[in-house]
Amino acid sequence: MKKQKQKMSIAQKKEAIWSYFFVAPTIIGLVVLNIYPIFNTIYQSFFKTGDFGRGNIFIGIDNYTKLLGNAEIWQAFWNTIKYAIIEVPFGIAIALVLAVFLNKKLAGTSVFRTIFFLPMVCAPAAVAMVWKWLYNTQFGLLNNIFGTKIEWISNPKITWISIGIIGVWSIIGYNMVLFISGLQEIPGDYYEAARIDGASEIRQFFDITIPLLSPTTFFIVQTRIIGALTVFDLMFMVMDKTNAALGKVQSVVYLFYQYSFTNGDKGTGAALVVILLVFIMVITVILQTAEKKLVYHN
């Protein structure tokens, strides 16, 4: 026999209405600020956009063919990948080591946690100004300490490394907090049993900490790869437009800004964003597939 559907009481109906009322702002914000811009960007990528969004001319996939045949675009993708190669692994490795030490019950750990997390709450403009001073060829602190005159942010051969170092410094605190949260979820019984069996702290780190922390590590890897591939503010504020090394450092999103807002070519800029979106989606699919083999679920 089919179960009869129970009718909702007046109180349950009111509760359901209020639940939709409280969820509505989030849903509206998601649609207006996320979903609609995505479809609008894809739509604009097939047009030669006019001023103030008017006078658009449909040109099909011309924006895409123009971009794929542009060497500057491929250079920007390579710049972005190089930045990710520095920021993601080094930012994660350093944060993991710091998290292991700061997760112990030692004096002053809360102070050090705050210090390492401070870059996350600093204004990007302030961070850029400080690092530009540190990297200054003539008066910079680094060159004065080492007695050198290295062009940290104007030499195309090393500028991408210098920018990557800023990225690592900026993100360590965020990664560290996530790792500490993951470490606190690992039962202490595992470490106690390992110590009884005579395992050293290094052996415990590789045999217990890393496997049980793999879900957190994988989450950080995914989010930081996406963050690194969409980096913009760092390049925009550290690198001047007249800097000779800009072409070897500018990211895909930086180039999108140039096309859309400096040159006023929003159609090409939209196409560039769609290409980047597809690239990120491919990377995400690969990572999600790898998760089944690399992540240890307790």
C-alpha atoms as a PDB file:
ATOM      1  CA  MET A   1       0.000   0.000   0.000  1.00  0.00           C
ATOM      2  CA  LYS A   2       1.163   3.473  -0.804  1.00  0.00           C
ATOM      3  CA  LYS A   3       1.937   5.641   2.166  1.00  0.00           C
ATOM      4  CA  GLN A   4      -0.328   8.627   2.427  1.00  0.00           C
ATOM      5  CA  LYS A   5       1.429  11.954   2.498  1.00  0.00           C
ATOM      6  CA  GLN A   6       1.020  13.654   5.828  1.00  0.00           C
ATOM      7  CA  LYS A   7      -0.335  17.191   5.590  1.00  0.00           C
ATOM      8  CA  MET A   8       1.791  19.911   7.075  1.00  0.00           C
ATOM      9  CA  SER A   9       0.404  21.644  10.110  1.00  0.00           C
ATOM     10  CA  ILE A  10       0.055  25.421  10.220  1.00  0.00           C
ATOM     11  CA  ALA A  11       3.126  25.656  12.450  1.00  0.00           C
ATOM     12  CA  GLN A  12       5.177  23.543  10.030  1.00  0.00           C
ATOM     13  CA  LYS A  13       4.065  25.691   7.098  1.00  0.00           C
ATOM     14  CA  LYS A  14       5.092  28.848   8.931  1.00  0.00           C
ATOM     15  CA  GLU A  15       8.436  27.256   9.789  1.00  0.00           C
ATOM     16  CA  ALA A  16       8.971  26.317   6.122  1.00  0.00           C
ATOM     17  CA  ILE A  17       8.119  29.847   4.985  1.00  0.00           C
ATOM     18  CA  TRP A  18      10.529  31.362   7.486  1.00  0.00           C
ATOM     19  CA  SER A  19      13.262  28.926   6.434  1.00  0.00           C
ATOM     20  CA  TYR A  20      12.904  30.079   2.808  1.00  0.00           C
ATOM     21  CA  PHE A  21      12.914  33.681   4.021  1.00  0.00           C
ATOM     22  CA  PHE A  22      16.238  33.240   5.829  1.00  0.00           C
ATOM     23  CA  VAL A  23      17.834  31.333   2.937  1.00  0.00           C
ATOM     24  CA  ALA A  24      16.606  33.810   0.303  1.00  0.00           C
ATOM     25  CA  PRO A  25      19.403  36.434   0.753  1.00  0.00           C
ATOM     26  CA  THR A  26      22.071  33.780   0.196  1.00  0.00           C
ATOM     27  CA  ILE A  27      20.299  32.358  -2.861  1.00  0.00           C
ATOM     28  CA  ILE A  28      19.725  35.821  -4.333  1.00  0.00           C
ATOM     29  CA  GLY A  29      23.357  36.762  -3.718  1.00  0.00           C
ATOM     30  CA  LEU A  30      24.547  33.519  -5.313  1.00  0.00           C
ATOM     31  CA  VAL A  31      22.419  34.097  -8.411  1.00  0.00           C
ATOM     32  CA  VAL A  32      23.213  37.799  -8.790  1.00  0.00           C
ATOM     33  CA  LEU A  33      26.915  37.697  -7.910  1.00  0.00           C
ATOM     34  CA  ASN A  34      27.953  34.259  -9.181  1.00  0.00           C
ATOM     35  CA  ILE A  35      25.584  32.410 -11.502  1.00  0.00           C
ATOM     36  CA  TYR A  36      24.430  35.355 -13.628  1.00  0.00           C
ATOM     37  CA  PRO A  37      27.977  36.748 -14.174  1.00  0.00           C
ATOM     38  CA  ILE A  38      29.160  33.312 -15.348  1.00  0.00           C
ATOM     39  CA  PHE A  39      26.509  33.022 -18.061  1.00  0.00           C
ATOM     40  CA  ASN A  40      26.843  36.708 -18.965  1.00  0.00           C
ATOM     41  CA  THR A  41      30.608  36.320 -19.382  1.00  0.00           C
ATOM     42  CA  ILE A  42      30.153  33.314 -21.656  1.00  0.00           C
ATOM     43  CA  TYR A  43      27.568  35.296 -23.644  1.00  0.00           C
ATOM     44  CA  GLN A  44      29.843  38.328 -24.035  1.00  0.00           C
ATOM     45  CA  SER A  45      32.749  36.176 -25.184  1.00  0.00           C
ATOM     46  CA  PHE A  46      30.951  35.695 -28.536  1.00  0.00           C
ATOM     47  CA  PHE A  47      30.568  39.435 -29.128  1.00  0.00           C
ATOM     48  CA  LYS A  48      32.609  42.462 -29.973  1.00  0.00           C
ATOM     49  CA  THR A  49      31.356  44.542 -27.090  1.00  0.00           C
ATOM     50  CA  GLY A  50      30.413  48.177 -27.474  1.00  0.00           C
ATOM     51  CA  ASP A  51      30.654  51.027 -24.997  1.00  0.00           C
ATOM     52  CA  PHE A  52      28.776  50.614 -21.711  1.00  0.00           C
ATOM     53  CA  GLY A  53      27.476  47.200 -22.818  1.00  0.00           C
ATOM     54  CA  ARG A  54      25.583  48.559 -25.829  1.00  0.00           C
ATOM     55  CA  GLY A  55      26.137  48.067 -29.508  1.00  0.00           C
ATOM     56  CA  ASN A  56      27.464  44.510 -29.177  1.00  0.00           C
ATOM     57  CA  ILE A  57      28.269  42.787 -32.477  1.00  0.00           C
ATOM     58  CA  PHE A  58      28.069  38.991 -32.691  1.00  0.00           C
ATOM     59  CA  ILE A  59      31.369  37.610 -34.038  1.00  0.00           C
ATOM     60  CA  GLY A  60      31.095  33.928 -33.050  1.00  0.00           C
ATOM     61  CA  ILE A  61      34.344  32.324 -31.915  1.00  0.00           C
ATOM     62  CA  ASP A  62      36.584  35.048 -33.333  1.00  0.00           C
ATOM     63  CA  ASN A  63      37.611  36.167 -29.841  1.00  0.00           C
ATOM     64  CA  TYR A  64      38.720  32.628 -29.021  1.00  0.00           C
ATOM     65  CA  THR A  65      40.675  32.118 -32.240  1.00  0.00           C
ATOM     66  CA  LYS A  66      42.349  35.485 -31.753  1.00  0.00           C
ATOM     67  CA  LEU A  67      43.390  34.589 -28.228  1.00  0.00           C
ATOM     68  CA  LEU A  68      44.610  31.081 -29.015  1.00  0.00           C
ATOM     69  CA  GLY A  69      46.813  32.499 -31.760  1.00  0.00           C
ATOM     70  CA  ASN A  70      48.252  35.209 -29.522  1.00  0.00           C
ATOM     71  CA  ALA A  71      51.688  34.462 -28.064  1.00  0.00           C
ATOM     72  CA  GLU A  72      51.041  36.883 -25.198  1.00  0.00           C
ATOM     73  CA  ILE A  73      48.195  34.684 -23.950  1.00  0.00           C
ATOM     74  CA  TRP A  74      50.329  31.556 -23.880  1.00  0.00           C
ATOM     75  CA  GLN A  75      53.065  33.498 -22.078  1.00  0.00           C
ATOM     76  CA  ALA A  76      50.504  34.656 -19.491  1.00  0.00           C
ATOM     77  CA  PHE A  77      49.379  31.048 -18.944  1.00  0.00           C
ATOM     78  CA  TRP A  78      52.976  29.949 -18.534  1.00  0.00           C
ATOM     79  CA  ASN A  79      53.601  32.822 -16.092  1.00  0.00           C
ATOM     80  CA  THR A  80      50.577  31.774 -14.057  1.00  0.00           C
ATOM     81  CA  ILE A  81      51.656  28.127 -13.982  1.00  0.00           C
ATOM     82  CA  LYS A  82      55.180  29.117 -12.874  1.00  0.00           C
ATOM     83  CA  TYR A  83      53.712  31.179 -10.058  1.00  0.00           C
ATOM     84  CA  ALA A  84      51.551  28.210  -8.993  1.00  0.00           C
ATOM     85  CA  ILE A  85      54.594  25.909  -9.065  1.00  0.00           C
ATOM     86  CA  ILE A  86      56.267  28.129  -6.463  1.00  0.00           C
ATOM     87  CA  GLU A  87      53.324  29.196  -4.322  1.00  0.00           C
ATOM     88  CA  VAL A  88      51.400  25.931  -3.948  1.00  0.00           C
ATOM     89  CA  PRO A  89      54.049  23.338  -2.949  1.00  0.00           C
ATOM     90  CA  PHE A  90      56.273  25.665  -0.908  1.00  0.00           C
ATOM     91  CA  GLY A  91      53.322  27.345   0.781  1.00  0.00           C
ATOM     92  CA  ILE A  92      51.904  23.965   1.759  1.00  0.00           C
ATOM     93  CA  ALA A  93      55.192  22.373   2.870  1.00  0.00           C
ATOM     94  CA  ILE A  94      56.266  25.290   5.072  1.00  0.00           C
ATOM     95  CA  ALA A  95      52.769  25.636   6.550  1.00  0.00           C
ATOM     96  CA  LEU A  96      52.653  21.923   7.380  1.00  0.00           C
ATOM     97  CA  VAL A  97      55.953  22.046   9.258  1.00  0.00           C
ATOM     98  CA  LEU A  98      54.864  25.147  11.172  1.00  0.00           C
ATOM     99  CA  ALA A  99      51.497  23.572  11.989  1.00  0.00           C
ATOM    100  CA  VAL A 100      53.142  20.469  13.449  1.00  0.00           C
ATOM    101  CA  PHE A 101      55.324  22.557  15.764  1.00  0.00           C
ATOM    102  CA  LEU A 102      52.602  25.043  16.716  1.00  0.00           C
ATOM    103  CA  ASN A 103      50.113  22.259  17.423  1.00  0.00           C
ATOM    104  CA  LYS A 104      52.186  21.168  20.390  1.00  0.00           C
ATOM    105  CA  LYS A 105      51.469  22.448  23.883  1.00  0.00           C
ATOM    106  CA  LEU A 106      54.361  24.873  24.141  1.00  0.00           C
ATOM    107  CA  ALA A 107      54.639  28.341  25.622  1.00  0.00           C
ATOM    108  CA  GLY A 108      53.825  31.150  23.195  1.00  0.00           C
ATOM    109  CA  THR A 109      52.231  29.024  20.466  1.00  0.00           C
ATOM    110  CA  SER A 110      49.161  31.275  20.277  1.00  0.00           C
ATOM    111  CA  VAL A 111      51.409  34.302  19.755  1.00  0.00           C
ATOM    112  CA  PHE A 112      53.308  32.619  16.924  1.00  0.00           C
ATOM    113  CA  ARG A 113      50.044  31.472  15.318  1.00  0.00           C
ATOM    114  CA  THR A 114      48.872  35.079  15.292  1.00  0.00           C
ATOM    115  CA  ILE A 115      52.162  36.326  13.840  1.00  0.00           C
ATOM    116  CA  PHE A 116      52.135  33.812  10.993  1.00  0.00           C
ATOM    117  CA  PHE A 117      48.480  34.547  10.239  1.00  0.00           C
ATOM    118  CA  LEU A 118      48.951  38.338  10.121  1.00  0.00           C
ATOM    119  CA  PRO A 119      49.766  38.462   6.357  1.00  0.00           C
ATOM    120  CA  MET A 120      46.248  37.164   5.654  1.00  0.00           C
ATOM    121  CA  VAL A 121      44.626  40.181   7.319  1.00  0.00           C
ATOM    122  CA  CYS A 122      47.037  42.787   5.959  1.00  0.00           C
ATOM    123  CA  ALA A 123      45.794  45.018   3.157  1.00  0.00           C
ATOM    124  CA  PRO A 124      47.206  43.868  -0.210  1.00  0.00           C
ATOM    125  CA  ALA A 125      48.307  47.428  -0.986  1.00  0.00           C
ATOM    126  CA  ALA A 126      50.337  47.563   2.231  1.00  0.00           C
ATOM    127  CA  VAL A 127      51.896  44.164   1.501  1.00  0.00           C
ATOM    128  CA  ALA A 128      52.872  45.282  -2.006  1.00  0.00           C
ATOM    129  CA  MET A 129      54.374  48.534  -0.739  1.00  0.00           C
ATOM    130  CA  VAL A 130      56.499  46.759   1.893  1.00  0.00           C
ATOM    131  CA  TRP A 131      57.786  44.114  -0.515  1.00  0.00           C
ATOM    132  CA  LYS A 132      58.554  46.689  -3.214  1.00  0.00           C
ATOM    133  CA  TRP A 133      60.718  48.443  -0.646  1.00  0.00           C
ATOM    134  CA  LEU A 134      62.401  45.179   0.367  1.00  0.00           C
ATOM    135  CA  TYR A 135      63.113  44.392  -3.294  1.00  0.00           C
ATOM    136  CA  ASN A 136      64.308  47.897  -4.235  1.00  0.00           C
ATOM    137  CA  THR A 137      67.564  47.631  -6.158  1.00  0.00           C
ATOM    138  CA  GLN A 138      69.305  50.648  -4.614  1.00  0.00           C
ATOM    139  CA  PHE A 139      67.734  51.099  -1.192  1.00  0.00           C
ATOM    140  CA  GLY A 140      66.054  47.746  -0.545  1.00  0.00           C
ATOM    141  CA  LEU A 141      66.641  45.888   2.701  1.00  0.00           C
ATOM    142  CA  LEU A 142      67.572  42.610   0.978  1.00  0.00           C
ATOM    143  CA  ASN A 143      70.303  44.133  -1.155  1.00  0.00           C
ATOM    144  CA  ASN A 144      71.657  46.070   1.840  1.00  0.00           C
ATOM    145  CA  ILE A 145      71.793  42.927   3.967  1.00  0.00           C
ATOM    146  CA  PHE A 146      73.503  40.797   1.309  1.00  0.00           C
ATOM    147  CA  GLY A 147      75.597  43.636  -0.144  1.00  0.00           C
ATOM    148  CA  THR A 148      74.208  43.060  -3.650  1.00  0.00           C
ATOM    149  CA  LYS A 149      72.411  45.075  -6.328  1.00  0.00           C
ATOM    150  CA  ILE A 150      70.050  42.399  -7.606  1.00  0.00           C
ATOM    151  CA  GLU A 151      67.076  43.620  -9.625  1.00  0.00           C
ATOM    152  CA  TRP A 152      64.535  41.485  -7.787  1.00  0.00           C
ATOM    153  CA  ILE A 153      61.429  42.729  -9.608  1.00  0.00           C
ATOM    154  CA  SER A 154      62.855  44.167 -12.818  1.00  0.00           C
ATOM    155  CA  ASN A 155      65.013  41.287 -14.034  1.00  0.00           C
ATOM    156  CA  PRO A 156      62.793  39.024 -16.214  1.00  0.00           C
ATOM    157  CA  LYS A 157      64.847  35.956 -15.263  1.00  0.00           C
ATOM    158  CA  ILE A 158      64.169  36.131 -11.517  1.00  0.00           C
ATOM    159  CA  THR A 159      61.112  38.372 -11.136  1.00  0.00           C
ATOM    160  CA  TRP A 160      58.665  35.448 -11.254  1.00  0.00           C
ATOM    161  CA  ILE A 161      60.567  33.849  -8.359  1.00  0.00           C
ATOM    162  CA  SER A 162      60.424  37.074  -6.360  1.00  0.00           C
ATOM    163  CA  ILE A 163      56.674  37.335  -6.924  1.00  0.00           C
ATOM    164  CA  GLY A 164      56.258  33.691  -5.967  1.00  0.00           C
ATOM    165  CA  ILE A 165      58.086  34.285  -2.681  1.00  0.00           C
ATOM    166  CA  ILE A 166      55.583  37.023  -1.805  1.00  0.00           C
ATOM    167  CA  GLY A 167      52.765  34.623  -2.606  1.00  0.00           C
ATOM    168  CA  VAL A 168      54.223  31.941  -0.328  1.00  0.00           C
ATOM    169  CA  TRP A 169      54.710  34.446   2.490  1.00  0.00           C
ATOM    170  CA  SER A 170      51.140  35.695   2.126  1.00  0.00           C
ATOM    171  CA  ILE A 171      49.434  32.291   2.198  1.00  0.00           C
ATOM    172  CA  ILE A 172      51.439  30.390   4.841  1.00  0.00           C
ATOM    173  CA  GLY A 173      49.211  31.559   7.695  1.00  0.00           C
ATOM    174  CA  TYR A 174      45.997  30.446   5.985  1.00  0.00           C
ATOM    175  CA  ASN A 175      47.409  27.002   5.159  1.00  0.00           C
ATOM    176  CA  MET A 176      48.838  26.663   8.648  1.00  0.00           C
ATOM    177  CA  VAL A 177      45.487  27.292  10.361  1.00  0.00           C
ATOM    178  CA  LEU A 178      43.814  24.638   8.197  1.00  0.00           C
ATOM    179  CA  PHE A 179      46.588  22.152   8.955  1.00  0.00           C
ATOM    180  CA  ILE A 180      46.330  22.811  12.699  1.00  0.00           C
ATOM    181  CA  SER A 181      42.589  22.168  12.473  1.00  0.00           C
ATOM    182  CA  GLY A 182      43.276  18.883  10.676  1.00  0.00           C
ATOM    183  CA  LEU A 183      45.951  17.854  13.175  1.00  0.00           C
ATOM    184  CA  GLN A 184      43.595  18.346  16.091  1.00  0.00           C
ATOM    185  CA  GLU A 185      41.189  15.858  14.509  1.00  0.00           C
ATOM    186  CA  ILE A 186      43.800  13.063  14.593  1.00  0.00           C
ATOM    187  CA  PRO A 187      43.251  10.868  17.693  1.00  0.00           C
ATOM    188  CA  GLY A 188      46.162  10.962  20.115  1.00  0.00           C
ATOM    189  CA  ASP A 189      45.924   7.194  20.615  1.00  0.00           C
ATOM    190  CA  TYR A 190      47.749   6.630  17.334  1.00  0.00           C
ATOM    191  CA  TYR A 191      50.768   8.611  18.478  1.00  0.00           C
ATOM    192  CA  GLU A 192      50.742   6.993  21.918  1.00  0.00           C
ATOM    193  CA  ALA A 193      50.726   3.514  20.388  1.00  0.00           C
ATOM    194  CA  ALA A 194      53.531   4.511  18.026  1.00  0.00           C
ATOM    195  CA  ARG A 195      55.653   5.815  20.903  1.00  0.00           C
ATOM    196  CA  ILE A 196      55.118   2.561  22.801  1.00  0.00           C
ATOM    197  CA  ASP A 197      56.347   0.674  19.721  1.00  0.00           C
ATOM    198  CA  GLY A 198      59.457   2.875  19.688  1.00  0.00           C
ATOM    199  CA  ALA A 199      58.638   4.979  16.621  1.00  0.00           C
ATOM    200  CA  SER A 200      60.534   8.267  16.393  1.00  0.00           C
ATOM    201  CA  GLU A 201      58.751  11.589  15.834  1.00  0.00           C
ATOM    202  CA  ILE A 202      59.914  11.630  12.220  1.00  0.00           C
ATOM    203  CA  ARG A 203      58.514   8.129  11.691  1.00  0.00           C
ATOM    204  CA  GLN A 204      55.242   9.219  13.323  1.00  0.00           C
ATOM    205  CA  PHE A 205      55.096  12.235  11.032  1.00  0.00           C
ATOM    206  CA  PHE A 206      55.401  10.188   7.846  1.00  0.00           C
ATOM    207  CA  ASP A 207      53.411   7.124   8.949  1.00  0.00           C
ATOM    208  CA  ILE A 208      50.611   8.799  10.927  1.00  0.00           C
ATOM    209  CA  THR A 209      50.418  12.546  10.401  1.00  0.00           C
ATOM    210  CA  ILE A 210      50.742  12.731   6.629  1.00  0.00           C
ATOM    211  CA  PRO A 211      48.296   9.860   5.825  1.00  0.00           C
ATOM    212  CA  LEU A 212      45.638  11.020   8.297  1.00  0.00           C
ATOM    213  CA  LEU A 213      46.092  14.634   7.250  1.00  0.00           C
ATOM    214  CA  SER A 214      45.686  13.832   3.552  1.00  0.00           C
ATOM    215  CA  PRO A 215      42.020  15.029   3.316  1.00  0.00           C
ATOM    216  CA  THR A 216      43.042  18.447   4.667  1.00  0.00           C
ATOM    217  CA  THR A 217      46.135  18.512   2.474  1.00  0.00           C
ATOM    218  CA  PHE A 218      44.130  17.649  -0.604  1.00  0.00           C
ATOM    219  CA  PHE A 219      41.592  20.387   0.164  1.00  0.00           C
ATOM    220  CA  ILE A 220      44.379  22.948   0.534  1.00  0.00           C
ATOM    221  CA  VAL A 221      46.049  21.781  -2.677  1.00  0.00           C
ATOM    222  CA  GLN A 222      42.834  22.198  -4.646  1.00  0.00           C
ATOM    223  CA  THR A 223      41.954  25.609  -3.247  1.00  0.00           C
ATOM    224  CA  ARG A 224      45.491  26.952  -3.571  1.00  0.00           C
ATOM    225  CA  ILE A 225      45.871  25.775  -7.167  1.00  0.00           C
ATOM    226  CA  ILE A 226      42.652  27.605  -8.038  1.00  0.00           C
ATOM    227  CA  GLY A 227      43.833  30.639  -6.062  1.00  0.00           C
ATOM    228  CA  ALA A 228      47.246  30.644  -7.750  1.00  0.00           C
ATOM    229  CA  LEU A 229      45.761  30.302 -11.231  1.00  0.00           C
ATOM    230  CA  THR A 230      43.522  33.329 -10.584  1.00  0.00           C
ATOM    231  CA  VAL A 231      46.168  35.554  -8.965  1.00  0.00           C
ATOM    232  CA  PHE A 232      45.867  39.224  -9.859  1.00  0.00           C
ATOM    233  CA  ASP A 233      46.315  41.757  -7.056  1.00  0.00           C
ATOM    234  CA  LEU A 234      49.892  40.695  -6.307  1.00  0.00           C
ATOM    235  CA  MET A 235      51.129  41.359  -9.859  1.00  0.00           C
ATOM    236  CA  PHE A 236      48.978  44.439 -10.264  1.00  0.00           C
ATOM    237  CA  MET A 237      50.339  46.229  -7.196  1.00  0.00           C
ATOM    238  CA  VAL A 238      53.949  45.053  -7.180  1.00  0.00           C
ATOM    239  CA  MET A 239      54.701  45.364 -10.898  1.00  0.00           C
ATOM    240  CA  ASP A 240      54.588  48.803 -12.528  1.00  0.00           C
ATOM    241  CA  LYS A 241      53.194  49.042 -16.053  1.00  0.00           C
ATOM    242  CA  THR A 242      56.553  50.401 -17.257  1.00  0.00           C
ATOM    243  CA  ASN A 243      58.464  47.483 -15.738  1.00  0.00           C
ATOM    244  CA  ALA A 244      60.423  45.635 -18.423  1.00  0.00           C
ATOM    245  CA  ALA A 245      59.786  42.310 -16.684  1.00  0.00           C
ATOM    246  CA  LEU A 246      55.993  42.664 -16.671  1.00  0.00           C
ATOM    247  CA  GLY A 247      55.542  40.491 -19.775  1.00  0.00           C
ATOM    248  CA  LYS A 248      57.324  37.601 -18.042  1.00  0.00           C
ATOM    249  CA  VAL A 249      55.238  37.892 -14.890  1.00  0.00           C
ATOM    250  CA  GLN A 250      51.697  39.032 -15.752  1.00  0.00           C
ATOM    251  CA  SER A 251      49.069  36.409 -15.026  1.00  0.00           C
ATOM    252  CA  VAL A 252      46.024  35.447 -17.067  1.00  0.00           C
ATOM    253  CA  VAL A 253      43.707  37.481 -14.833  1.00  0.00           C
ATOM    254  CA  TYR A 254      46.071  40.459 -15.082  1.00  0.00           C
ATOM    255  CA  LEU A 255      45.846  40.197 -18.859  1.00  0.00           C
ATOM    256  CA  PHE A 256      42.055  39.959 -18.576  1.00  0.00           C
ATOM    257  CA  TYR A 257      42.112  43.257 -16.677  1.00  0.00           C
ATOM    258  CA  GLN A 258      44.210  44.829 -19.423  1.00  0.00           C
ATOM    259  CA  TYR A 259      41.868  43.676 -22.177  1.00  0.00           C
ATOM    260  CA  SER A 260      38.606  44.467 -20.399  1.00  0.00           C
ATOM    261  CA  PHE A 261      39.276  47.668 -18.486  1.00  0.00           C
ATOM    262  CA  THR A 262      42.407  49.235 -19.952  1.00  0.00           C
ATOM    263  CA  ASN A 263      41.724  48.493 -23.628  1.00  0.00           C
ATOM    264  CA  GLY A 264      37.924  48.354 -23.279  1.00  0.00           C
ATOM    265  CA  ASP A 265      37.749  45.053 -25.187  1.00  0.00           C
ATOM    266  CA  LYS A 266      35.376  43.191 -22.877  1.00  0.00           C
ATOM    267  CA  GLY A 267      34.531  40.522 -25.449  1.00  0.00           C
ATOM    268  CA  THR A 268      38.138  39.368 -25.681  1.00  0.00           C
ATOM    269  CA  GLY A 269      38.496  39.649 -21.920  1.00  0.00           C
ATOM    270  CA  ALA A 270      35.396  37.487 -21.430  1.00  0.00           C
ATOM    271  CA  ALA A 271      36.749  34.867 -23.832  1.00  0.00           C
ATOM    272  CA  LEU A 272      40.023  34.806 -21.901  1.00  0.00           C
ATOM    273  CA  VAL A 273      38.169  34.213 -18.636  1.00  0.00           C
ATOM    274  CA  VAL A 274      36.178  31.363 -20.199  1.00  0.00           C
ATOM    275  CA  ILE A 275      39.402  29.713 -21.403  1.00  0.00           C
ATOM    276  CA  LEU A 276      40.852  30.045 -17.897  1.00  0.00           C
ATOM    277  CA  LEU A 277      37.641  28.617 -16.423  1.00  0.00           C
ATOM    278  CA  VAL A 278      37.829  25.571 -18.692  1.00  0.00           C
ATOM    279  CA  PHE A 279      41.497  25.095 -17.779  1.00  0.00           C
ATOM    280  CA  ILE A 280      40.689  25.226 -14.052  1.00  0.00           C
ATOM    281  CA  MET A 281      37.804  22.791 -14.523  1.00  0.00           C
ATOM    282  CA  VAL A 282      40.119  20.315 -16.261  1.00  0.00           C
ATOM    283  CA  ILE A 283      42.648  20.598 -13.418  1.00  0.00           C
ATOM    284  CA  THR A 284      39.846  20.137 -10.880  1.00  0.00           C
ATOM    285  CA  VAL A 285      38.565  16.988 -12.611  1.00  0.00           C
ATOM    286  CA  ILE A 286      42.085  15.534 -12.624  1.00  0.00           C
ATOM    287  CA  LEU A 287      42.501  16.315  -8.920  1.00  0.00           C
ATOM    288  CA  GLN A 288      39.112  14.847  -8.036  1.00  0.00           C
ATOM    289  CA  THR A 289      40.043  11.657  -9.887  1.00  0.00           C
ATOM    290  CA  ALA A 290      43.373  11.494  -8.083  1.00  0.00           C
ATOM    291  CA  GLU A 291      41.660  11.979  -4.711  1.00  0.00           C
ATOM    292  CA  LYS A 292      40.363   8.404  -4.715  1.00  0.00           C
ATOM    293  CA  LYS A 293      43.894   7.030  -4.879  1.00  0.00           C
ATOM    294  CA  LEU A 294      45.854   9.623  -2.894  1.00  0.00           C
ATOM    295  CA  VAL A 295      43.571  10.556  -0.008  1.00  0.00           C
ATOM    296  CA  TYR A 296      43.380   8.309   3.036  1.00  0.00           C
ATOM    297  CA  HIS A 297      39.942   8.352   4.647  1.00  0.00           C
ATOM    298  CA  ASN A 298      40.025   7.134   8.227  1.00  0.00           C
END
